[in-house]
């Protein structure tokens, strides 16, 4: 596909600035990739839109990772924590983005969150970020949870408020580590999860920590030249067994969000199973990716020229997804993180060939997929 296939016109007023009062009240565009047929429903209808399937969720928890403070001379500074690389409580080491980066130097100590945290700048990474050592009470991570700011994406053109600490977080978030929400999961309530199970659907949870690269536009001259940012993920033994059971019972595997797609496809064994374990992935899913695990996808509407939109087109088809986005714009759907949702039903690009039953035969622990 061409990069130009990822372009579309979006009126700015369709970019959602706040969530709806109720999570599961969002509109849902349902796309059948076989026929390109589009149906307009709501997220609450989800349990009845598929036969009993396996819904897989990302349980990563968003950190309030934006920290504001002062440099030694008194000038303002802002850090965005990206990844913790040393969990030691007394001296936690992180990778962080900083601005104004040009006025910072190794060895400088920053006062953050009105003095609740201190950050020592260690050295620059090869990608322009910083290695920093954080100090706070009782631990740096707990101080970040108390005093950090929710890192709303740049297209939400307002400052975060107290409600964002709840609404920019899934109801099942468990493992801290993301600097952006896995937004498809924001639509789920305990009521909707219970309705899925009552309709015969099964659920499983994986973890992928979303980094700031999720907002990075495609700037390479071609899709083949683009290099994905690395993201850490973990698949439990229970989740791997759930995928194997779905395959044995011929249930569709429904990824709730693009992060789940990357996780499952990065750990695919080639026979429809996934490897349990922890790993890092650079996988860039785009047409004509052959899906090994994922059959269907629930996702929000994504930015033009983004790797996320390329992933959706890989599953739903370039022409069908472009037509669905044009329909969503015409129907005044709400876009991006706090917006409405889209369900891509199983189609010609999904992992629907027959699979071998069993638990995880032929699979070892997850390695480091590229």
Protein backbone atom coordinates (compact mmCIF):
# COMPACT_ATOMS: atom_id res chain seq x y z
CA UNK A 1 0.00 0.00 0.00
CA UNK A 2 0.99 3.64 -0.41
CA UNK A 3 1.39 6.15 2.40
CA UNK A 4 -1.22 8.26 0.59
CA UNK A 5 -3.78 5.52 1.27
CA UNK A 6 -3.58 6.55 4.93
CA UNK A 7 -4.73 10.10 4.25
CA UNK A 8 -8.28 11.30 4.88
CA UNK A 9 -10.01 14.59 5.59
CA UNK A 10 -11.26 15.11 9.15
CA UNK A 11 -13.01 18.26 10.35
CA UNK A 12 -11.36 19.40 13.56
CA UNK A 13 -14.68 19.55 15.40
CA UNK A 14 -14.99 15.75 15.13
CA UNK A 15 -11.93 15.23 17.33
CA UNK A 16 -13.43 14.33 20.71
CA UNK A 17 -12.15 16.57 23.50
CA UNK A 18 -13.96 14.81 26.35
CA UNK A 19 -15.43 11.37 26.91
CA UNK A 20 -19.15 10.72 26.84
CA UNK A 21 -20.88 10.66 30.25
CA UNK A 22 -21.21 6.87 29.95
CA UNK A 23 -18.34 4.74 28.60
CA UNK A 24 -20.43 2.19 26.71
CA UNK A 25 -22.77 4.74 25.11
CA UNK A 26 -20.36 5.37 22.22
CA UNK A 27 -21.46 4.79 18.65
CA UNK A 28 -20.07 1.71 16.93
CA UNK A 29 -19.42 1.42 13.20
CA UNK A 30 -19.48 -2.27 12.23
CA UNK A 31 -17.53 -3.22 9.10
CA UNK A 32 -17.84 -6.56 7.32
CA UNK A 33 -14.60 -6.88 5.29
CA UNK A 34 -16.06 -9.61 3.05
CA UNK A 35 -18.83 -7.41 1.68
CA UNK A 36 -17.69 -3.91 2.76
CA UNK A 37 -21.14 -3.61 4.37
CA UNK A 38 -21.36 -1.03 7.16
CA UNK A 39 -23.81 -1.05 10.03
CA UNK A 40 -24.28 1.62 12.69
CA UNK A 41 -24.77 0.38 16.24
CA UNK A 42 -23.61 1.26 19.77
CA UNK A 43 -20.90 -0.29 21.89
CA UNK A 44 -23.59 -1.73 24.18
CA UNK A 45 -24.70 -3.92 21.25
CA UNK A 46 -21.31 -5.66 21.15
CA UNK A 47 -22.37 -8.93 22.86
CA UNK A 48 -24.90 -9.69 20.11
CA UNK A 49 -22.75 -8.74 17.11
CA UNK A 50 -20.54 -11.84 17.12
CA UNK A 51 -21.07 -15.51 17.91
CA UNK A 52 -19.42 -16.62 21.19
CA UNK A 53 -15.83 -15.46 20.82
CA UNK A 54 -12.69 -14.73 22.86
CA UNK A 55 -12.27 -11.02 23.63
CA UNK A 56 -8.66 -10.14 24.51
CA UNK A 57 -7.95 -6.92 26.44
CA UNK A 58 -4.82 -4.94 27.30
CA UNK A 59 -4.70 -4.42 31.07
CA UNK A 60 -1.82 -1.91 31.04
CA UNK A 61 -2.40 1.01 33.39
CA UNK A 62 -1.69 4.59 32.34
CA UNK A 63 0.80 6.40 34.54
CA UNK A 64 0.22 10.08 35.33
CA UNK A 65 3.56 10.40 33.59
CA UNK A 66 3.78 14.14 32.82
CA UNK A 67 5.81 15.99 35.46
CA UNK A 68 6.28 19.74 35.55
CA UNK A 69 8.96 21.53 37.51
CA UNK A 70 12.01 23.77 37.54
CA UNK A 71 15.63 23.65 36.43
CA UNK A 72 18.37 24.69 38.88
CA UNK A 73 18.25 28.27 37.56
CA UNK A 74 14.50 28.46 38.01
CA UNK A 75 13.42 27.94 34.41
CA UNK A 76 10.46 25.71 33.69
CA UNK A 77 10.93 22.11 32.64
CA UNK A 78 8.64 19.22 31.74
CA UNK A 79 9.34 15.50 31.79
CA UNK A 80 7.27 12.76 30.20
CA UNK A 81 8.20 9.39 31.67
CA UNK A 82 8.38 6.72 28.98
CA UNK A 83 9.71 3.52 30.53
CA UNK A 84 11.07 2.40 33.89
CA UNK A 85 14.36 0.59 33.45
CA UNK A 86 15.31 0.05 37.10
CA UNK A 87 12.61 -0.74 39.68
CA UNK A 88 14.84 -0.04 42.71
CA UNK A 89 12.75 2.06 45.08
CA UNK A 90 15.57 4.28 46.31
CA UNK A 91 16.86 5.24 42.86
CA UNK A 92 14.43 4.47 40.06
CA UNK A 93 15.90 4.89 36.60
CA UNK A 94 13.61 5.89 33.75
CA UNK A 95 13.71 6.87 30.11
CA UNK A 96 12.01 10.25 29.78
CA UNK A 97 11.33 12.92 27.19
CA UNK A 98 12.24 16.40 28.39
CA UNK A 99 11.67 19.95 27.26
CA UNK A 100 13.25 22.36 26.73
CA UNK A 101 15.84 19.65 26.00
CA UNK A 102 18.37 22.11 24.59
CA UNK A 103 18.75 23.76 28.02
CA UNK A 104 19.41 20.55 29.90
CA UNK A 105 22.72 18.84 30.60
CA UNK A 106 23.90 15.58 32.21
CA UNK A 107 24.25 15.89 35.97
CA UNK A 108 21.54 18.55 36.27
CA UNK A 109 18.98 17.99 39.03
CA UNK A 110 15.38 19.02 38.46
CA UNK A 111 12.72 19.80 41.06
CA UNK A 112 9.38 18.36 39.96
CA UNK A 113 5.77 18.37 41.16
CA UNK A 114 6.29 21.29 43.56
CA UNK A 115 9.26 19.56 45.16
CA UNK A 116 7.62 16.16 45.65
CA UNK A 117 10.07 14.60 43.19
CA UNK A 118 13.66 15.12 42.13
CA UNK A 119 15.11 13.98 38.83
CA UNK A 120 18.81 13.67 38.10
CA UNK A 121 19.64 13.79 34.38
CA UNK A 122 22.09 10.96 33.68
CA UNK A 123 22.69 10.91 29.91
CA UNK A 124 20.93 11.19 26.60
CA UNK A 125 19.67 8.14 24.79
CA UNK A 126 20.30 7.56 21.12
CA UNK A 127 16.76 8.67 20.30
CA UNK A 128 16.90 12.09 21.94
CA UNK A 129 15.31 11.08 25.24
CA UNK A 130 17.07 11.08 28.62
CA UNK A 131 18.01 8.51 31.21
CA UNK A 132 16.95 9.99 34.54
CA UNK A 133 17.13 8.90 38.17
CA UNK A 134 13.95 9.70 40.10
CA UNK A 135 13.76 10.24 43.84
CA UNK A 136 10.53 10.65 45.77
CA UNK A 137 8.68 9.61 48.92
CA UNK A 138 7.67 7.02 49.82
CA UNK A 139 8.97 5.79 46.45
CA UNK A 140 9.39 7.61 43.17
CA UNK A 141 6.63 5.58 41.51
CA UNK A 142 4.17 6.33 44.32
CA UNK A 143 5.10 10.02 44.18
CA UNK A 144 4.45 10.00 40.42
CA UNK A 145 1.03 8.39 40.98
CA UNK A 146 0.14 11.11 43.51
CA UNK A 147 1.58 14.18 41.83
CA UNK A 148 1.94 13.41 38.12
CA UNK A 149 -0.37 14.70 35.41
CA UNK A 150 -2.42 12.51 33.08
CA UNK A 151 -0.61 12.54 29.71
CA UNK A 152 -3.52 13.37 27.44
CA UNK A 153 -2.61 13.12 23.74
CA UNK A 154 -1.71 16.31 21.87
CA UNK A 155 -4.98 16.45 19.91
CA UNK A 156 -6.94 16.86 23.17
CA UNK A 157 -6.52 20.61 23.33
CA UNK A 158 -7.18 21.20 27.00
CA UNK A 159 -5.48 20.61 30.31
CA UNK A 160 -6.34 17.38 32.11
CA UNK A 161 -8.72 17.57 35.05
CA UNK A 162 -9.54 15.21 37.91
CA UNK A 163 -12.04 13.26 35.82
CA UNK A 164 -9.32 12.24 33.35
CA UNK A 165 -7.59 10.17 36.04
CA UNK A 166 -10.60 7.89 35.87
CA UNK A 167 -11.80 8.21 32.28
CA UNK A 168 -8.37 7.99 30.58
CA UNK A 169 -8.03 4.58 32.19
CA UNK A 170 -9.79 1.28 31.48
CA UNK A 171 -11.93 -0.21 34.25
CA UNK A 172 -9.71 -3.32 34.20
CA UNK A 173 -6.33 -1.52 34.19
CA UNK A 174 -3.90 -3.36 36.43
CA UNK A 175 -0.21 -3.13 35.45
CA UNK A 176 1.29 0.42 35.50
CA UNK A 177 3.48 1.35 32.58
CA UNK A 178 1.66 3.11 29.71
CA UNK A 179 1.95 6.78 28.81
CA UNK A 180 -1.14 6.56 26.59
CA UNK A 181 -4.35 4.66 27.12
CA UNK A 182 -5.24 1.56 25.09
CA UNK A 183 -8.26 3.54 23.98
CA UNK A 184 -10.55 0.82 22.61
CA UNK A 185 -10.83 -0.47 26.15
CA UNK A 186 -12.10 2.87 27.45
CA UNK A 187 -15.58 1.93 26.20
CA UNK A 188 -15.96 -1.05 28.53
CA UNK A 189 -17.83 -1.02 31.82
CA UNK A 190 -18.26 -3.80 34.33
CA UNK A 191 -21.84 -4.04 33.03
CA UNK A 192 -20.66 -4.57 29.44
CA UNK A 193 -18.04 -7.14 30.47
CA UNK A 194 -20.74 -9.05 32.34
CA UNK A 195 -23.03 -8.86 29.30
CA UNK A 196 -20.30 -10.32 27.08
CA UNK A 197 -19.84 -13.27 29.43
CA UNK A 198 -23.59 -13.78 29.76
CA UNK A 199 -23.81 -13.99 25.95
CA UNK A 200 -21.26 -16.82 25.93
CA UNK A 201 -18.13 -14.81 25.13
CA UNK A 202 -14.88 -15.45 26.96
CA UNK A 203 -12.31 -12.86 28.04
CA UNK A 204 -8.54 -12.84 28.47
CA UNK A 205 -5.97 -10.18 29.34
CA UNK A 206 -2.51 -9.38 28.04
CA UNK A 207 -0.23 -6.43 28.83
CA UNK A 208 1.44 -4.05 26.39
CA UNK A 209 2.77 -0.76 27.73
CA UNK A 210 1.92 1.99 25.26
CA UNK A 211 4.73 4.44 24.56
CA UNK A 212 4.65 7.99 23.13
CA UNK A 213 5.57 6.60 19.71
CA UNK A 214 1.95 5.59 19.31
CA UNK A 215 1.26 9.22 18.33
CA UNK A 216 4.21 9.47 15.93
CA UNK A 217 3.15 10.10 12.33
CA UNK A 218 4.70 8.27 9.41
CA UNK A 219 7.55 10.44 8.11
CA UNK A 220 9.54 7.86 6.14
CA UNK A 221 9.36 8.06 2.33
CA UNK A 222 7.71 4.64 2.22
CA UNK A 223 6.01 2.24 4.62
CA UNK A 224 8.87 -0.21 4.23
CA UNK A 225 11.31 2.44 5.48
CA UNK A 226 9.38 3.17 8.68
CA UNK A 227 10.80 1.76 11.91
CA UNK A 228 8.41 1.12 14.78
CA UNK A 229 9.17 2.16 18.34
CA UNK A 230 9.72 -0.77 20.69
CA UNK A 231 7.03 -1.65 23.21
CA UNK A 232 7.17 -4.20 26.00
CA UNK A 233 4.46 -6.82 26.35
CA UNK A 234 3.59 -9.81 28.48
CA UNK A 235 1.30 -12.77 27.83
CA UNK A 236 0.37 -14.95 30.78
CA UNK A 237 0.03 -18.71 30.65
CA UNK A 238 -3.71 -18.24 31.24
CA UNK A 239 -4.05 -15.92 28.22
CA UNK A 240 -2.09 -18.31 26.00
CA UNK A 241 -4.35 -21.17 27.09
CA UNK A 242 -7.44 -19.07 26.38
CA UNK A 243 -6.25 -18.43 22.81
CA UNK A 244 -5.50 -22.14 22.34
CA UNK A 245 -8.95 -23.06 23.65
CA UNK A 246 -10.62 -20.55 21.31
CA UNK A 247 -8.76 -22.10 18.40
CA UNK A 248 -9.77 -25.63 19.46
CA UNK A 249 -13.43 -24.53 19.73
CA UNK A 250 -13.33 -22.49 16.50
CA UNK A 251 -14.14 -19.28 18.36
CA UNK A 252 -13.01 -15.98 16.87
CA UNK A 253 -10.21 -14.13 18.65
CA UNK A 254 -11.34 -10.51 19.00
CA UNK A 255 -8.59 -8.00 19.81
CA UNK A 256 -9.81 -5.04 21.85
CA UNK A 257 -7.46 -2.42 20.48
CA UNK A 258 -4.45 -2.30 18.18
CA UNK A 259 -2.10 -2.91 21.12
CA UNK A 260 -3.67 -6.34 21.61
CA UNK A 261 -3.22 -7.08 17.90
CA UNK A 262 0.49 -6.25 18.09
CA UNK A 263 0.89 -8.32 21.24
CA UNK A 264 -0.81 -11.45 19.90
CA UNK A 265 0.71 -11.27 16.43
CA UNK A 266 4.18 -10.64 17.88
CA UNK A 267 3.93 -13.80 19.99
CA UNK A 268 2.31 -15.98 17.30
CA UNK A 269 3.64 -19.49 16.86
CA UNK A 270 2.40 -19.92 13.31
CA UNK A 271 -0.39 -22.35 14.17
CA UNK A 272 -2.81 -19.93 15.79
CA UNK A 273 -1.31 -20.25 19.28
CA UNK A 274 0.74 -17.66 21.16
CA UNK A 275 3.82 -17.97 23.31
CA UNK A 276 3.43 -16.99 26.97
CA UNK A 277 6.12 -14.74 28.43
CA UNK A 278 7.59 -11.24 28.21
CA UNK A 279 9.22 -9.66 25.18
CA UNK A 280 9.72 -6.47 23.22
CA UNK A 281 8.21 -5.88 19.79
CA UNK A 282 8.97 -3.63 16.82
CA UNK A 283 6.32 -5.32 14.67
CA UNK A 284 4.77 -2.99 12.06
CA UNK A 285 1.49 -4.50 10.88
CA UNK A 286 0.37 -3.25 7.49
CA UNK A 287 -1.08 -4.73 4.30
CA UNK A 288 -0.48 -7.46 3.23
CA UNK A 289 0.15 -8.79 6.75
CA UNK A 290 -1.07 -12.37 7.16
CA UNK A 291 -2.74 -12.63 10.55
CA UNK A 292 -1.82 -15.67 12.58
CA UNK A 293 -3.99 -15.16 15.67
CA UNK A 294 -6.42 -12.22 15.41
CA UNK A 295 -9.76 -12.58 13.62
CA UNK A 296 -11.64 -9.40 14.53
CA UNK A 297 -10.83 -6.00 16.01
CA UNK A 298 -12.59 -3.41 18.15
CA UNK A 299 -10.77 -0.11 17.84
CA UNK A 300 -11.23 3.66 17.90
CA UNK A 301 -10.76 5.87 14.84
CA UNK A 302 -7.11 6.73 14.24
CA UNK A 303 -5.03 9.61 12.92
CA UNK A 304 -4.25 9.94 9.20
CA UNK A 305 -0.83 8.60 8.16
CA UNK A 306 -0.52 6.57 11.34
CA UNK A 307 0.77 3.05 11.87
CA UNK A 308 -2.47 2.32 13.75
CA UNK A 309 -4.58 3.07 10.69
CA UNK A 310 -2.27 0.88 8.59
CA UNK A 311 -2.89 -1.97 11.04
CA UNK A 312 -6.67 -1.58 10.77
CA UNK A 313 -6.40 -1.61 6.96
CA UNK A 314 -4.33 -4.79 7.11
CA UNK A 315 -7.25 -6.58 8.79
CA UNK A 316 -10.22 -4.83 7.19
CA UNK A 317 -8.84 -4.10 3.72
CA UNK A 318 -7.58 -0.76 2.42
CA UNK A 319 -10.61 0.17 0.31
CA UNK A 320 -13.16 -1.05 2.85
CA UNK A 321 -11.56 0.84 5.74
CA UNK A 322 -11.17 4.02 3.68
CA UNK A 323 -14.87 3.81 2.82
CA UNK A 324 -15.75 3.19 6.47
CA UNK A 325 -13.78 6.26 7.59
CA UNK A 326 -15.49 8.40 4.95
CA UNK A 327 -18.84 7.11 6.23
CA UNK A 328 -17.82 7.88 9.83
CA UNK A 329 -16.92 11.45 8.89
CA UNK A 330 -20.17 11.90 6.97
CA UNK A 331 -22.17 10.53 9.92
CA UNK A 332 -20.34 12.81 12.39
CA UNK A 333 -18.72 10.10 14.47
CA UNK A 334 -16.36 11.27 17.23
CA UNK A 335 -12.70 10.53 16.51
CA UNK A 336 -9.55 9.51 18.39
CA UNK A 337 -8.95 8.63 22.04
CA UNK A 338 -12.20 9.88 23.58
CA UNK A 339 -14.21 9.16 20.45
CA UNK A 340 -16.46 6.44 19.07
CA UNK A 341 -15.48 2.91 18.04
CA UNK A 342 -15.29 0.60 15.05
CA UNK A 343 -15.70 -3.17 14.92
CA UNK A 344 -13.93 -5.00 12.09
CA UNK A 345 -15.64 -8.38 11.76
CA UNK A 346 -13.71 -11.51 10.71
CA UNK A 347 -12.85 -11.29 7.03
CA UNK A 348 -10.45 -12.50 4.35
CA UNK A 349 -7.38 -11.17 6.17
CA UNK A 350 -8.21 -12.67 9.58
CA UNK A 351 -6.75 -15.83 11.10
CA UNK A 352 -9.61 -18.10 10.13
CA UNK A 353 -7.91 -21.15 8.54
CA UNK A 354 -8.25 -24.36 10.61
CA UNK A 355 -5.91 -24.51 13.59
CA UNK A 356 -4.44 -27.36 15.58
CA UNK A 357 -6.11 -27.90 18.95
CA UNK A 358 -4.24 -28.28 22.22
CA UNK A 359 -2.76 -25.82 24.66
CA UNK A 360 0.43 -24.32 23.26
CA UNK A 361 2.06 -27.18 21.36
CA UNK A 362 5.26 -26.17 19.64
CA UNK A 363 5.50 -22.85 21.50
CA UNK A 364 8.27 -21.83 23.82
CA UNK A 365 8.49 -18.66 25.88
CA UNK A 366 8.23 -15.38 24.04
CA UNK A 367 11.48 -14.13 22.60
CA UNK A 368 12.15 -10.70 21.16
CA UNK A 369 9.95 -10.38 18.08
CA UNK A 370 10.94 -7.80 15.49
